Amino acid sequence: ASGGTYGNFAMGWFRQAPGKEREIVAAIDWTGRTTIYSDS
C-alpha cells in the first residue's frame, strides 16, 4: 500500500474465480488483531 494515510483502514482480500462472482475471503481490522474469514 502507498499514496496516503491508511494505517487506520480495514483491509480485505477478495477473489474471483472463472465464471464466478467476486467474493471476499478475509478481512482484518486496522490493528491487525481482529480477522474474519469466509467459511470456504
Full PDB file with SEQRES, HELIX, SHEET, SSBOND, CRYST1, ORIGX, SCALE, CONECT and MASTER records, all heavy atoms in Angstrom:
SEQRES   1 A   40  ALA SER GLY GLY THR TYR GLY ASN PHE ALA MET GLY TRP          
SEQRES   2 A   40  PHE ARG GLN ALA PRO GLY LYS GLU ARG GLU ILE VAL ALA          
SEQRES   3 A   40  ALA ILE ASP TRP THR GLY ARG THR THR ILE TYR SER ASP          
SEQRES   4 A   40  SER                                                          
SHEET    1 AA1 3 MET A  11  ARG A  15  0                                        
SHEET    2 AA1 3 GLU A  23  ILE A  28 -1                                        
SHEET    3 AA1 3 THR A  35  TYR A  37 -1                                        
CRYST1    1.000    1.000    1.000  90.00  90.00  90.00 P 1           1          
ORIGX1      1.000000  0.000000  0.000000        0.00000                         
ORIGX2      0.000000  1.000000  0.000000        0.00000                         
ORIGX3      0.000000  0.000000  1.000000        0.00000                         
SCALE1      1.000000  0.000000  0.000000        0.00000                         
SCALE2      0.000000  1.000000  0.000000        0.00000                         
SCALE3      0.000000  0.000000  1.000000        0.00000                         
ATOM      1  N   ALA A   1       0.836  -1.196   0.000  1.00  0.00           N  
ATOM      2  CA  ALA A   1       0.000   0.000   0.000  1.00  0.00           C  
ATOM      3  C   ALA A   1       0.871   1.247   0.000  1.00  0.00           C  
ATOM      4  O   ALA A   1       1.920   1.288   0.638  1.00  0.00           O  
ATOM      5  CB  ALA A   1      -0.927   0.015   1.207  1.00  0.00           C  
ATOM      6  N   SER A   2       0.403   2.273  -0.705  1.00  0.00           N  
ATOM      7  CA  SER A   2       1.126   3.538  -0.757  1.00  0.00           C  
ATOM      8  C   SER A   2       0.175   4.658  -1.149  1.00  0.00           C  
ATOM      9  O   SER A   2      -0.953   4.410  -1.568  1.00  0.00           O  
ATOM     10  CB  SER A   2       2.285   3.465  -1.757  1.00  0.00           C  
ATOM     11  OG  SER A   2       1.807   3.271  -3.079  1.00  0.00           O  
ATOM     12  N   GLY A   3       0.635   5.905  -0.992  1.00  0.00           N  
ATOM     13  CA  GLY A   3      -0.088   7.035  -1.543  1.00  0.00           C  
ATOM     14  C   GLY A   3      -0.939   7.847  -0.591  1.00  0.00           C  
ATOM     15  O   GLY A   3      -1.532   8.835  -1.011  1.00  0.00           O  
ATOM     16  N   GLY A   4      -1.017   7.461   0.675  1.00  0.00           N  
ATOM     17  CA  GLY A   4      -1.842   8.238   1.584  1.00  0.00           C  
ATOM     18  C   GLY A   4      -1.824   7.715   3.000  1.00  0.00           C  
ATOM     19  O   GLY A   4      -1.009   6.855   3.349  1.00  0.00           O  
ATOM     20  N   THR A   5      -2.737   8.225   3.810  1.00  0.00           N  
ATOM     21  CA  THR A   5      -2.888   7.783   5.185  1.00  0.00           C  
ATOM     22  C   THR A   5      -3.887   6.641   5.229  1.00  0.00           C  
ATOM     23  O   THR A   5      -5.068   6.825   4.936  1.00  0.00           O  
ATOM     24  CB  THR A   5      -3.365   8.945   6.069  1.00  0.00           C  
ATOM     25  OG1 THR A   5      -2.430  10.020   6.000  1.00  0.00           O  
ATOM     26  CG2 THR A   5      -3.501   8.491   7.512  1.00  0.00           C  
ATOM     27  N   TYR A   6      -3.420   5.458   5.590  1.00  0.00           N  
ATOM     28  CA  TYR A   6      -4.270   4.274   5.566  1.00  0.00           C  
ATOM     29  C   TYR A   6      -3.987   3.324   6.719  1.00  0.00           C  
ATOM     30  O   TYR A   6      -4.493   2.208   6.730  1.00  0.00           O  
ATOM     31  CB  TYR A   6      -4.110   3.529   4.240  1.00  0.00           C  
ATOM     32  CG  TYR A   6      -2.685   3.449   3.774  1.00  0.00           C  
ATOM     33  CD1 TYR A   6      -1.810   2.505   4.297  1.00  0.00           C  
ATOM     34  CD2 TYR A   6      -2.206   4.341   2.825  1.00  0.00           C  
ATOM     35  CE1 TYR A   6      -0.491   2.453   3.887  1.00  0.00           C  
ATOM     36  CE2 TYR A   6      -0.885   4.288   2.403  1.00  0.00           C  
ATOM     37  CZ  TYR A   6      -0.033   3.340   2.939  1.00  0.00           C  
ATOM     38  OH  TYR A   6       1.276   3.290   2.517  1.00  0.00           O  
ATOM     39  N   GLY A   7      -3.183   3.766   7.667  1.00  0.00           N  
ATOM     40  CA  GLY A   7      -2.848   2.902   8.783  1.00  0.00           C  
ATOM     41  C   GLY A   7      -4.045   2.518   9.631  1.00  0.00           C  
ATOM     42  O   GLY A   7      -3.998   1.499  10.329  1.00  0.00           O  
ATOM     43  N   ASN A   8      -5.116   3.304   9.583  1.00  0.00           N  
ATOM     44  CA  ASN A   8      -6.323   3.002  10.338  1.00  0.00           C  
ATOM     45  C   ASN A   8      -7.441   2.434   9.468  1.00  0.00           C  
ATOM     46  O   ASN A   8      -8.592   2.388   9.892  1.00  0.00           O  
ATOM     47  CB  ASN A   8      -6.819   4.247  11.076  1.00  0.00           C  
ATOM     48  CG  ASN A   8      -7.199   5.372  10.130  1.00  0.00           C  
ATOM     49  OD1 ASN A   8      -6.789   5.399   8.976  1.00  0.00           O  
ATOM     50  ND2 ASN A   8      -7.992   6.308  10.639  1.00  0.00           N  
ATOM     51  N   PHE A   9      -7.106   1.993   8.261  1.00  0.00           N  
ATOM     52  CA  PHE A   9      -8.097   1.406   7.352  1.00  0.00           C  
ATOM     53  C   PHE A   9      -8.238  -0.081   7.611  1.00  0.00           C  
ATOM     54  O   PHE A   9      -7.246  -0.781   7.826  1.00  0.00           O  
ATOM     55  CB  PHE A   9      -7.669   1.590   5.899  1.00  0.00           C  
ATOM     56  CG  PHE A   9      -7.746   2.985   5.366  1.00  0.00           C  
ATOM     57  CD1 PHE A   9      -8.061   4.057   6.176  1.00  0.00           C  
ATOM     58  CD2 PHE A   9      -7.504   3.222   4.024  1.00  0.00           C  
ATOM     59  CE1 PHE A   9      -8.123   5.347   5.676  1.00  0.00           C  
ATOM     60  CE2 PHE A   9      -7.566   4.503   3.506  1.00  0.00           C  
ATOM     61  CZ  PHE A   9      -7.876   5.565   4.324  1.00  0.00           C  
ATOM     62  N   ALA A  10      -9.470  -0.574   7.550  1.00  0.00           N  
ATOM     63  CA  ALA A  10      -9.672  -2.007   7.451  1.00  0.00           C  
ATOM     64  C   ALA A  10      -9.188  -2.477   6.083  1.00  0.00           C  
ATOM     65  O   ALA A  10      -9.252  -1.738   5.103  1.00  0.00           O  
ATOM     66  CB  ALA A  10     -11.142  -2.360   7.637  1.00  0.00           C  
ATOM     67  N   MET A  11      -8.702  -3.719   6.017  1.00  0.00           N  
ATOM     68  CA  MET A  11      -8.207  -4.280   4.771  1.00  0.00           C  
ATOM     69  C   MET A  11      -8.870  -5.629   4.521  1.00  0.00           C  
ATOM     70  O   MET A  11      -9.291  -6.308   5.457  1.00  0.00           O  
ATOM     71  CB  MET A  11      -6.690  -4.461   4.810  1.00  0.00           C  
ATOM     72  CG  MET A  11      -5.903  -3.181   5.017  1.00  0.00           C  
ATOM     73  SD  MET A  11      -5.966  -2.074   3.575  1.00  0.00           S  
ATOM     74  CE  MET A  11      -5.066  -3.046   2.357  1.00  0.00           C  
ATOM     75  N   GLY A  12      -8.937  -6.006   3.258  1.00  0.00           N  
ATOM     76  CA  GLY A  12      -9.532  -7.285   2.916  1.00  0.00           C  
ATOM     77  C   GLY A  12      -8.886  -7.913   1.700  1.00  0.00           C  
ATOM     78  O   GLY A  12      -8.223  -7.235   0.910  1.00  0.00           O  
ATOM     79  N   TRP A  13      -9.063  -9.221   1.580  1.00  0.00           N  
ATOM     80  CA  TRP A  13      -8.670  -9.969   0.392  1.00  0.00           C  
ATOM     81  C   TRP A  13      -9.911 -10.526  -0.272  1.00  0.00           C  
ATOM     82  O   TRP A  13     -10.797 -11.069   0.405  1.00  0.00           O  
ATOM     83  CB  TRP A  13      -7.715 -11.115   0.735  1.00  0.00           C  
ATOM     84  CG  TRP A  13      -6.299 -10.691   0.936  1.00  0.00           C  
ATOM     85  CD1 TRP A  13      -5.666 -10.448   2.110  1.00  0.00           C  
ATOM     86  CD2 TRP A  13      -5.325 -10.475  -0.097  1.00  0.00           C  
ATOM     87  NE1 TRP A  13      -4.364 -10.093   1.889  1.00  0.00           N  
ATOM     88  CE2 TRP A  13      -4.119 -10.101   0.546  1.00  0.00           C  
ATOM     89  CE3 TRP A  13      -5.349 -10.566  -1.493  1.00  0.00           C  
ATOM     90  CZ2 TRP A  13      -2.950  -9.815  -0.171  1.00  0.00           C  
ATOM     91  CZ3 TRP A  13      -4.194 -10.276  -2.196  1.00  0.00           C  
ATOM     92  CH2 TRP A  13      -3.017  -9.905  -1.536  1.00  0.00           C  
ATOM     93  N   PHE A  14      -9.952 -10.412  -1.601  1.00  0.00           N  
ATOM     94  CA  PHE A  14     -11.072 -10.870  -2.405  1.00  0.00           C  
ATOM     95  C   PHE A  14     -10.563 -11.802  -3.490  1.00  0.00           C  
ATOM     96  O   PHE A  14      -9.379 -11.799  -3.817  1.00  0.00           O  
ATOM     97  CB  PHE A  14     -11.800  -9.685  -3.050  1.00  0.00           C  
ATOM     98  CG  PHE A  14     -12.374  -8.704  -2.072  1.00  0.00           C  
ATOM     99  CD1 PHE A  14     -11.558  -7.780  -1.432  1.00  0.00           C  
ATOM    100  CD2 PHE A  14     -13.729  -8.705  -1.796  1.00  0.00           C  
ATOM    101  CE1 PHE A  14     -12.082  -6.874  -0.533  1.00  0.00           C  
ATOM    102  CE2 PHE A  14     -14.268  -7.795  -0.896  1.00  0.00           C  
ATOM    103  CZ  PHE A  14     -13.446  -6.882  -0.264  1.00  0.00           C  
ATOM    104  N   ARG A  15     -11.465 -12.588  -4.049  1.00  0.00           N  
ATOM    105  CA  ARG A  15     -11.094 -13.419  -5.188  1.00  0.00           C  
ATOM    106  C   ARG A  15     -12.265 -13.540  -6.149  1.00  0.00           C  
ATOM    107  O   ARG A  15     -13.427 -13.435  -5.766  1.00  0.00           O  
ATOM    108  CB  ARG A  15     -10.624 -14.802  -4.739  1.00  0.00           C  
ATOM    109  CG  ARG A  15     -11.715 -15.692  -4.162  1.00  0.00           C  
ATOM    110  CD  ARG A  15     -11.119 -17.009  -3.696  1.00  0.00           C  
ATOM    111  NE  ARG A  15     -12.128 -17.914  -3.172  1.00  0.00           N  
ATOM    112  CZ  ARG A  15     -11.860 -19.082  -2.598  1.00  0.00           C  
ATOM    113  NH1 ARG A  15     -10.598 -19.488  -2.478  1.00  0.00           N  
ATOM    114  NH2 ARG A  15     -12.849 -19.845  -2.150  1.00  0.00           N  
ATOM    115  N   GLN A  16     -11.918 -13.758  -7.416  1.00  0.00           N  
ATOM    116  CA  GLN A  16     -12.917 -14.001  -8.436  1.00  0.00           C  
ATOM    117  C   GLN A  16     -12.445 -15.154  -9.300  1.00  0.00           C  
ATOM    118  O   GLN A  16     -11.441 -15.041 -10.005  1.00  0.00           O  
ATOM    119  CB  GLN A  16     -13.170 -12.761  -9.295  1.00  0.00           C  
ATOM    120  CG  GLN A  16     -14.328 -12.932 -10.263  1.00  0.00           C  
ATOM    121  CD  GLN A  16     -14.810 -11.628 -10.857  1.00  0.00           C  
ATOM    122  OE1 GLN A  16     -14.075 -10.642 -10.915  1.00  0.00           O  
ATOM    123  NE2 GLN A  16     -16.060 -11.604 -11.284  1.00  0.00           N  
ATOM    124  N   ALA A  17     -13.159 -16.263  -9.213  1.00  0.00           N  
ATOM    125  CA  ALA A  17     -12.835 -17.459  -9.976  1.00  0.00           C  
ATOM    126  C   ALA A  17     -13.497 -17.398 -11.345  1.00  0.00           C  
ATOM    127  O   ALA A  17     -14.481 -16.674 -11.539  1.00  0.00           O  
ATOM    128  CB  ALA A  17     -13.288 -18.705  -9.220  1.00  0.00           C  
ATOM    129  N   PRO A  18     -12.982 -18.158 -12.314  1.00  0.00           N  
ATOM    130  CA  PRO A  18     -13.603 -18.181 -13.644  1.00  0.00           C  
ATOM    131  C   PRO A  18     -15.074 -18.555 -13.575  1.00  0.00           C  
ATOM    132  O   PRO A  18     -15.439 -19.567 -12.977  1.00  0.00           O  
ATOM    133  CB  PRO A  18     -12.794 -19.240 -14.386  1.00  0.00           C  
ATOM    134  CG  PRO A  18     -11.469 -19.254 -13.700  1.00  0.00           C  
ATOM    135  CD  PRO A  18     -11.781 -19.003 -12.254  1.00  0.00           C  
ATOM    136  N   GLY A  19     -15.920 -17.733 -14.168  1.00  0.00           N  
ATOM    137  CA  GLY A  19     -17.345 -17.985 -14.184  1.00  0.00           C  
ATOM    138  C   GLY A  19     -18.061 -17.742 -12.870  1.00  0.00           C  
ATOM    139  O   GLY A  19     -19.246 -18.060 -12.753  1.00  0.00           O  
ATOM    140  N   LYS A  20     -17.372 -17.188 -11.885  1.00  0.00           N  
ATOM    141  CA  LYS A  20     -17.957 -16.943 -10.571  1.00  0.00           C  
ATOM    142  C   LYS A  20     -17.955 -15.456 -10.247  1.00  0.00           C  
ATOM    143  O   LYS A  20     -17.193 -14.679 -10.825  1.00  0.00           O  
ATOM    144  CB  LYS A  20     -17.186 -17.699  -9.488  1.00  0.00           C  
ATOM    145  CG  LYS A  20     -17.085 -19.200  -9.702  1.00  0.00           C  
ATOM    146  CD  LYS A  20     -18.430 -19.876  -9.536  1.00  0.00           C  
ATOM    147  CE  LYS A  20     -18.284 -21.387  -9.638  1.00  0.00           C  
ATOM    148  NZ  LYS A  20     -19.597 -22.061  -9.480  1.00  0.00           N  
ATOM    149  N   GLU A  21     -18.798 -15.066  -9.309  1.00  0.00           N  
ATOM    150  CA  GLU A  21     -18.824 -13.689  -8.836  1.00  0.00           C  
ATOM    151  C   GLU A  21     -17.716 -13.464  -7.825  1.00  0.00           C  
ATOM    152  O   GLU A  21     -17.233 -14.388  -7.173  1.00  0.00           O  
ATOM    153  CB  GLU A  21     -20.182 -13.359  -8.216  1.00  0.00           C  
ATOM    154  CG  GLU A  21     -21.331 -13.367  -9.202  1.00  0.00           C  
ATOM    155  CD  GLU A  21     -22.631 -12.911  -8.586  1.00  0.00           C  
ATOM    156  OE1 GLU A  21     -22.678 -12.726  -7.358  1.00  0.00           O  
ATOM    157  OE2 GLU A  21     -23.603 -12.732  -9.335  1.00  0.00           O  
ATOM    158  N   ARG A  22     -17.313 -12.204  -7.701  1.00  0.00           N  
ATOM    159  CA  ARG A  22     -16.282 -11.848  -6.742  1.00  0.00           C  
ATOM    160  C   ARG A  22     -16.770 -12.095  -5.320  1.00  0.00           C  
ATOM    161  O   ARG A  22     -17.915 -11.800  -4.982  1.00  0.00           O  
ATOM    162  CB  ARG A  22     -15.890 -10.384  -6.910  1.00  0.00           C  
ATOM    163  CG  ARG A  22     -14.737  -9.935  -6.031  1.00  0.00           C  
ATOM    164  CD  ARG A  22     -14.375  -8.495  -6.310  1.00  0.00           C  
ATOM    165  NE  ARG A  22     -15.481  -7.593  -6.006  1.00  0.00           N  
ATOM    166  CZ  ARG A  22     -15.456  -6.287  -6.226  1.00  0.00           C  
ATOM    167  NH1 ARG A  22     -14.392  -5.730  -6.785  1.00  0.00           N  
ATOM    168  NH2 ARG A  22     -16.502  -5.534  -5.916  1.00  0.00           N  
ATOM    169  N   GLU A  23     -15.899 -12.640  -4.491  1.00  0.00           N  
ATOM    170  CA  GLU A  23     -16.235 -12.891  -3.103  1.00  0.00           C  
ATOM    171  C   GLU A  23     -15.103 -12.436  -2.196  1.00  0.00           C  
ATOM    172  O   GLU A  23     -13.932 -12.483  -2.563  1.00  0.00           O  
ATOM    173  CB  GLU A  23     -16.514 -14.376  -2.874  1.00  0.00           C  
ATOM    174  CG  GLU A  23     -15.316 -15.279  -3.127  1.00  0.00           C  
ATOM    175  CD  GLU A  23     -15.558 -16.719  -2.720  1.00  0.00           C  
ATOM    176  OE1 GLU A  23     -16.415 -16.965  -1.845  1.00  0.00           O  
ATOM    177  OE2 GLU A  23     -14.887 -17.608  -3.279  1.00  0.00           O  
ATOM    178  N   ILE A  24     -15.464 -12.015  -1.003  1.00  0.00           N  
ATOM    179  CA  ILE A  24     -14.465 -11.666  -0.011  1.00  0.00           C  
ATOM    180  C   ILE A  24     -14.103 -12.921   0.765  1.00  0.00           C  
ATOM    181  O   ILE A  24     -14.977 -13.712   1.135  1.00  0.00           O  
ATOM    182  CB  ILE A  24     -14.958 -10.542   0.924  1.00  0.00           C  
ATOM    183  CG1 ILE A  24     -13.819 -10.098   1.852  1.00  0.00           C  
ATOM    184  CG2 ILE A  24     -16.196 -10.951   1.704  1.00  0.00           C  
ATOM    185  CD1 ILE A  24     -14.113  -8.809   2.594  1.00  0.00           C  
ATOM    186  N   VAL A  25     -12.826 -13.131   0.977  1.00  0.00           N  
ATOM    187  CA  VAL A  25     -12.380 -14.332   1.671  1.00  0.00           C  
ATOM    188  C   VAL A  25     -11.806 -14.024   3.047  1.00  0.00           C  
ATOM    189  O   VAL A  25     -11.812 -14.902   3.922  1.00  0.00           O  
ATOM    190  CB  VAL A  25     -11.357 -15.129   0.841  1.00  0.00           C  
ATOM    191  CG1 VAL A  25     -12.002 -15.626  -0.447  1.00  0.00           C  
ATOM    192  CG2 VAL A  25     -10.114 -14.291   0.528  1.00  0.00           C  
ATOM    193  N   ALA A  26     -11.315 -12.810   3.261  1.00  0.00           N  
ATOM    194  CA  ALA A  26     -10.699 -12.485   4.543  1.00  0.00           C  
ATOM    195  C   ALA A  26     -10.699 -10.986   4.761  1.00  0.00           C  
ATOM    196  O   ALA A  26     -10.611 -10.210   3.816  1.00  0.00           O  
ATOM    197  CB  ALA A  26      -9.265 -13.024   4.619  1.00  0.00           C  
ATOM    198  N   ALA A  27     -10.782 -10.583   6.024  1.00  0.00           N  
ATOM    199  CA  ALA A  27     -10.736  -9.170   6.388  1.00  0.00           C  
ATOM    200  C   ALA A  27      -9.939  -9.013   7.669  1.00  0.00           C  
ATOM    201  O   ALA A  27      -9.877  -9.926   8.490  1.00  0.00           O  
ATOM    202  CB  ALA A  27     -12.142  -8.606   6.561  1.00  0.00           C  
ATOM    203  N   ILE A  28      -9.361  -7.830   7.852  1.00  0.00           N  
ATOM    204  CA  ILE A  28      -8.549  -7.558   9.023  1.00  0.00           C  
ATOM    205  C   ILE A  28      -8.766  -6.119   9.457  1.00  0.00           C  
ATOM    206  O   ILE A  28      -8.918  -5.228   8.625  1.00  0.00           O  
ATOM    207  CB  ILE A  28      -7.057  -7.849   8.734  1.00  0.00           C  
ATOM    208  CG1 ILE A  28      -6.220  -7.817  10.004  1.00  0.00           C  
ATOM    209  CG2 ILE A  28      -6.517  -6.889   7.676  1.00  0.00           C  
ATOM    210  CD1 ILE A  28      -4.829  -8.422   9.807  1.00  0.00           C  
ATOM    211  N   ASP A  29      -8.811  -5.899  10.763  1.00  0.00           N  
ATOM    212  CA  ASP A  29      -9.030  -4.556  11.261  1.00  0.00           C  
ATOM    213  C   ASP A  29      -7.738  -3.742  11.220  1.00  0.00           C  
ATOM    214  O   ASP A  29      -6.676  -4.255  10.862  1.00  0.00           O  
ATOM    215  CB  ASP A  29      -9.622  -4.590  12.675  1.00  0.00           C  
ATOM    216  CG  ASP A  29      -8.583  -4.844  13.763  1.00  0.00           C  
ATOM    217  OD1 ASP A  29      -7.594  -5.555  13.502  1.00  0.00           O  
ATOM    218  OD2 ASP A  29      -8.766  -4.328  14.884  1.00  0.00           O  
ATOM    219  N   TRP A  30      -7.833  -2.493  11.600  1.00  0.00           N  
ATOM    220  CA  TRP A  30      -6.697  -1.583  11.452  1.00  0.00           C  
ATOM    221  C   TRP A  30      -5.508  -1.956  12.311  1.00  0.00           C  
ATOM    222  O   TRP A  30      -4.369  -1.633  11.964  1.00  0.00           O  
ATOM    223  CB  TRP A  30      -7.131  -0.141  11.734  1.00  0.00           C  
ATOM    224  CG  TRP A  30      -7.365   0.162  13.188  1.00  0.00           C  
ATOM    225  CD1 TRP A  30      -8.404  -0.263  13.974  1.00  0.00           C  
ATOM    226  CD2 TRP A  30      -6.534   0.972  14.026  1.00  0.00           C  
ATOM    227  NE1 TRP A  30      -8.272   0.227  15.240  1.00  0.00           N  
ATOM    228  CE2 TRP A  30      -7.134   0.996  15.305  1.00  0.00           C  
ATOM    229  CE3 TRP A  30      -5.355   1.681  13.818  1.00  0.00           C  
ATOM    230  CZ2 TRP A  30      -6.584   1.699  16.379  1.00  0.00           C  
ATOM    231  CZ3 TRP A  30      -4.809   2.387  14.887  1.00  0.00           C  
ATOM    232  CH2 TRP A  30      -5.420   2.393  16.142  1.00  0.00           C  
ATOM    233  N   THR A  31      -5.739  -2.612  13.441  1.00  0.00           N  
ATOM    234  CA  THR A  31      -4.641  -3.002  14.323  1.00  0.00           C  
ATOM    235  C   THR A  31      -4.006  -4.328  13.930  1.00  0.00           C  
ATOM    236  O   THR A  31      -2.892  -4.627  14.359  1.00  0.00           O  
ATOM    237  CB  THR A  31      -5.114  -3.123  15.773  1.00  0.00           C  
ATOM    238  OG1 THR A  31      -5.970  -4.264  15.921  1.00  0.00           O  
ATOM    239  CG2 THR A  31      -5.865  -1.872  16.199  1.00  0.00           C  
ATOM    240  N   GLY A  32      -4.726  -5.130  13.135  1.00  0.00           N  
ATOM    241  CA  GLY A  32      -4.262  -6.459  12.792  1.00  0.00           C  
ATOM    242  C   GLY A  32      -4.630  -7.516  13.809  1.00  0.00           C  
ATOM    243  O   GLY A  32      -4.259  -8.679  13.645  1.00  0.00           O  
ATOM    244  N   ARG A  33      -5.364  -7.137  14.847  1.00  0.00           N  
ATOM    245  CA  ARG A  33      -5.695  -8.083  15.912  1.00  0.00           C  
ATOM    246  C   ARG A  33      -6.990  -8.850  15.663  1.00  0.00           C  
ATOM    247  O   ARG A  33      -7.181  -9.923  16.240  1.00  0.00           O  
ATOM    248  CB  ARG A  33      -5.797  -7.349  17.252  1.00  0.00           C  
ATOM    249  CG  ARG A  33      -4.499  -6.698  17.710  1.00  0.00           C  
ATOM    250  CD  ARG A  33      -4.631  -6.157  19.128  1.00  0.00           C  
ATOM    251  NE  ARG A  33      -3.414  -5.481  19.567  1.00  0.00           N  
ATOM    252  CZ  ARG A  33      -3.230  -4.168  19.526  1.00  0.00           C  
ATOM    253  NH1 ARG A  33      -4.188  -3.372  19.079  1.00  0.00           N  
ATOM    254  NH2 ARG A  33      -2.085  -3.645  19.936  1.00  0.00           N  
ATOM    255  N   THR A  34      -7.870  -8.305  14.817  1.00  0.00           N  
ATOM    256  CA  THR A  34      -9.137  -8.951  14.533  1.00  0.00           C  
ATOM    257  C   THR A  34      -9.194  -9.362  13.072  1.00  0.00           C  
ATOM    258  O   THR A  34      -8.935  -8.542  12.190  1.00  0.00           O  
ATOM    259  CB  THR A  34     -10.319  -8.028  14.854  1.00  0.00           C  
ATOM    260  OG1 THR A  34     -10.281  -7.655  16.238  1.00  0.00           O  
ATOM    261  CG2 THR A  34     -11.644  -8.720  14.564  1.00  0.00           C  
ATOM    262  N   THR A  35      -9.521 -10.623  12.828  1.00  0.00           N  
ATOM    263  CA  THR A  35      -9.632 -11.137  11.466  1.00  0.00           C  
ATOM    264  C   THR A  35     -10.949 -11.872  11.285  1.00  0.00           C  
ATOM    265  O   THR A  35     -11.511 -12.406  12.245  1.00  0.00           O  
ATOM    266  CB  THR A  35      -8.479 -12.084  11.123  1.00  0.00           C  
ATOM    267  OG1 THR A  35      -8.454 -13.163  12.065  1.00  0.00           O  
ATOM    268  CG2 THR A  35      -7.149 -11.349  11.182  1.00  0.00           C  
ATOM    269  N   ILE A  36     -11.441 -11.900  10.044  1.00  0.00           N  
ATOM    270  CA  ILE A  36     -12.663 -12.606   9.684  1.00  0.00           C  
ATOM    271  C   ILE A  36     -12.396 -13.377   8.402  1.00  0.00           C  
ATOM    272  O   ILE A  36     -11.720 -12.873   7.499  1.00  0.00           O  
ATOM    273  CB  ILE A  36     -13.853 -11.648   9.468  1.00  0.00           C  
ATOM    274  CG1 ILE A  36     -13.987 -10.656  10.632  1.00  0.00           C  
ATOM    275  CG2 ILE A  36     -15.150 -12.435   9.301  1.00  0.00           C  
ATOM    276  CD1 ILE A  36     -15.050  -9.595  10.401  1.00  0.00           C  
ATOM    277  N   TYR A  37     -12.951 -14.590   8.304  1.00  0.00           N  
ATOM    278  CA  TYR A  37     -12.763 -15.429   7.132  1.00  0.00           C  
ATOM    279  C   TYR A  37     -14.092 -15.977   6.640  1.00  0.00           C  
ATOM    280  O   TYR A  37     -15.000 -16.232   7.427  1.00  0.00           O  
ATOM    281  CB  TYR A  37     -11.832 -16.603   7.445  1.00  0.00           C  
ATOM    282  CG  TYR A  37     -10.465 -16.175   7.899  1.00  0.00           C  
ATOM    283  CD1 TYR A  37     -10.177 -16.039   9.257  1.00  0.00           C  
ATOM    284  CD2 TYR A  37      -9.467 -15.900   6.979  1.00  0.00           C  
ATOM    285  CE1 TYR A  37      -8.920 -15.635   9.680  1.00  0.00           C  
ATOM    286  CE2 TYR A  37      -8.209 -15.494   7.396  1.00  0.00           C  
ATOM    287  CZ  TYR A  37      -7.940 -15.363   8.741  1.00  0.00           C  
ATOM    288  OH  TYR A  37      -6.693 -14.963   9.163  1.00  0.00           O  
ATOM    289  N   SER A  38     -14.185 -16.167   5.332  1.00  0.00           N  
ATOM    290  CA  SER A  38     -15.335 -16.855   4.785  1.00  0.00           C  
ATOM    291  C   SER A  38     -15.254 -18.337   5.147  1.00  0.00           C  
ATOM    292  O   SER A  38     -14.167 -18.871   5.399  1.00  0.00           O  
ATOM    293  CB  SER A  38     -15.400 -16.679   3.269  1.00  0.00           C  
ATOM    294  OG  SER A  38     -14.330 -17.346   2.631  1.00  0.00           O  
ATOM    295  N   ASP A  39     -16.405 -19.003   5.157  1.00  0.00           N  
ATOM    296  CA  ASP A  39     -16.439 -20.410   5.537  1.00  0.00           C  
ATOM    297  C   ASP A  39     -15.608 -21.282   4.594  1.00  0.00           C  
ATOM    298  O   ASP A  39     -15.046 -22.296   5.017  1.00  0.00           O  
ATOM    299  CB  ASP A  39     -17.879 -20.910   5.573  1.00  0.00           C  
ATOM    300  CG  ASP A  39     -18.675 -20.324   6.722  1.00  0.00           C  
ATOM    301  OD1 ASP A  39     -18.058 -19.851   7.697  1.00  0.00           O  
ATOM    302  OD2 ASP A  39     -19.916 -20.348   6.651  1.00  0.00           O  
ATOM    303  N   SER A  40     -15.515 -20.887   3.337  1.00  0.00           N  
ATOM    304  CA  SER A  40     -14.822 -21.703   2.357  1.00  0.00           C  
ATOM    305  C   SER A  40     -13.313 -21.733   2.545  1.00  0.00           C  
ATOM    306  O   SER A  40     -12.646 -22.641   2.039  1.00  0.00           O  
ATOM    307  CB  SER A  40     -15.159 -21.225   0.938  1.00  0.00           C  
ATOM    308  OG  SER A  40     -14.727 -19.887   0.747  1.00  0.00           O  
TER     309      SER A  40                                                      
MASTER        0    0    0    0    3    0    0    6  308    1    0    4          
END                                                                             
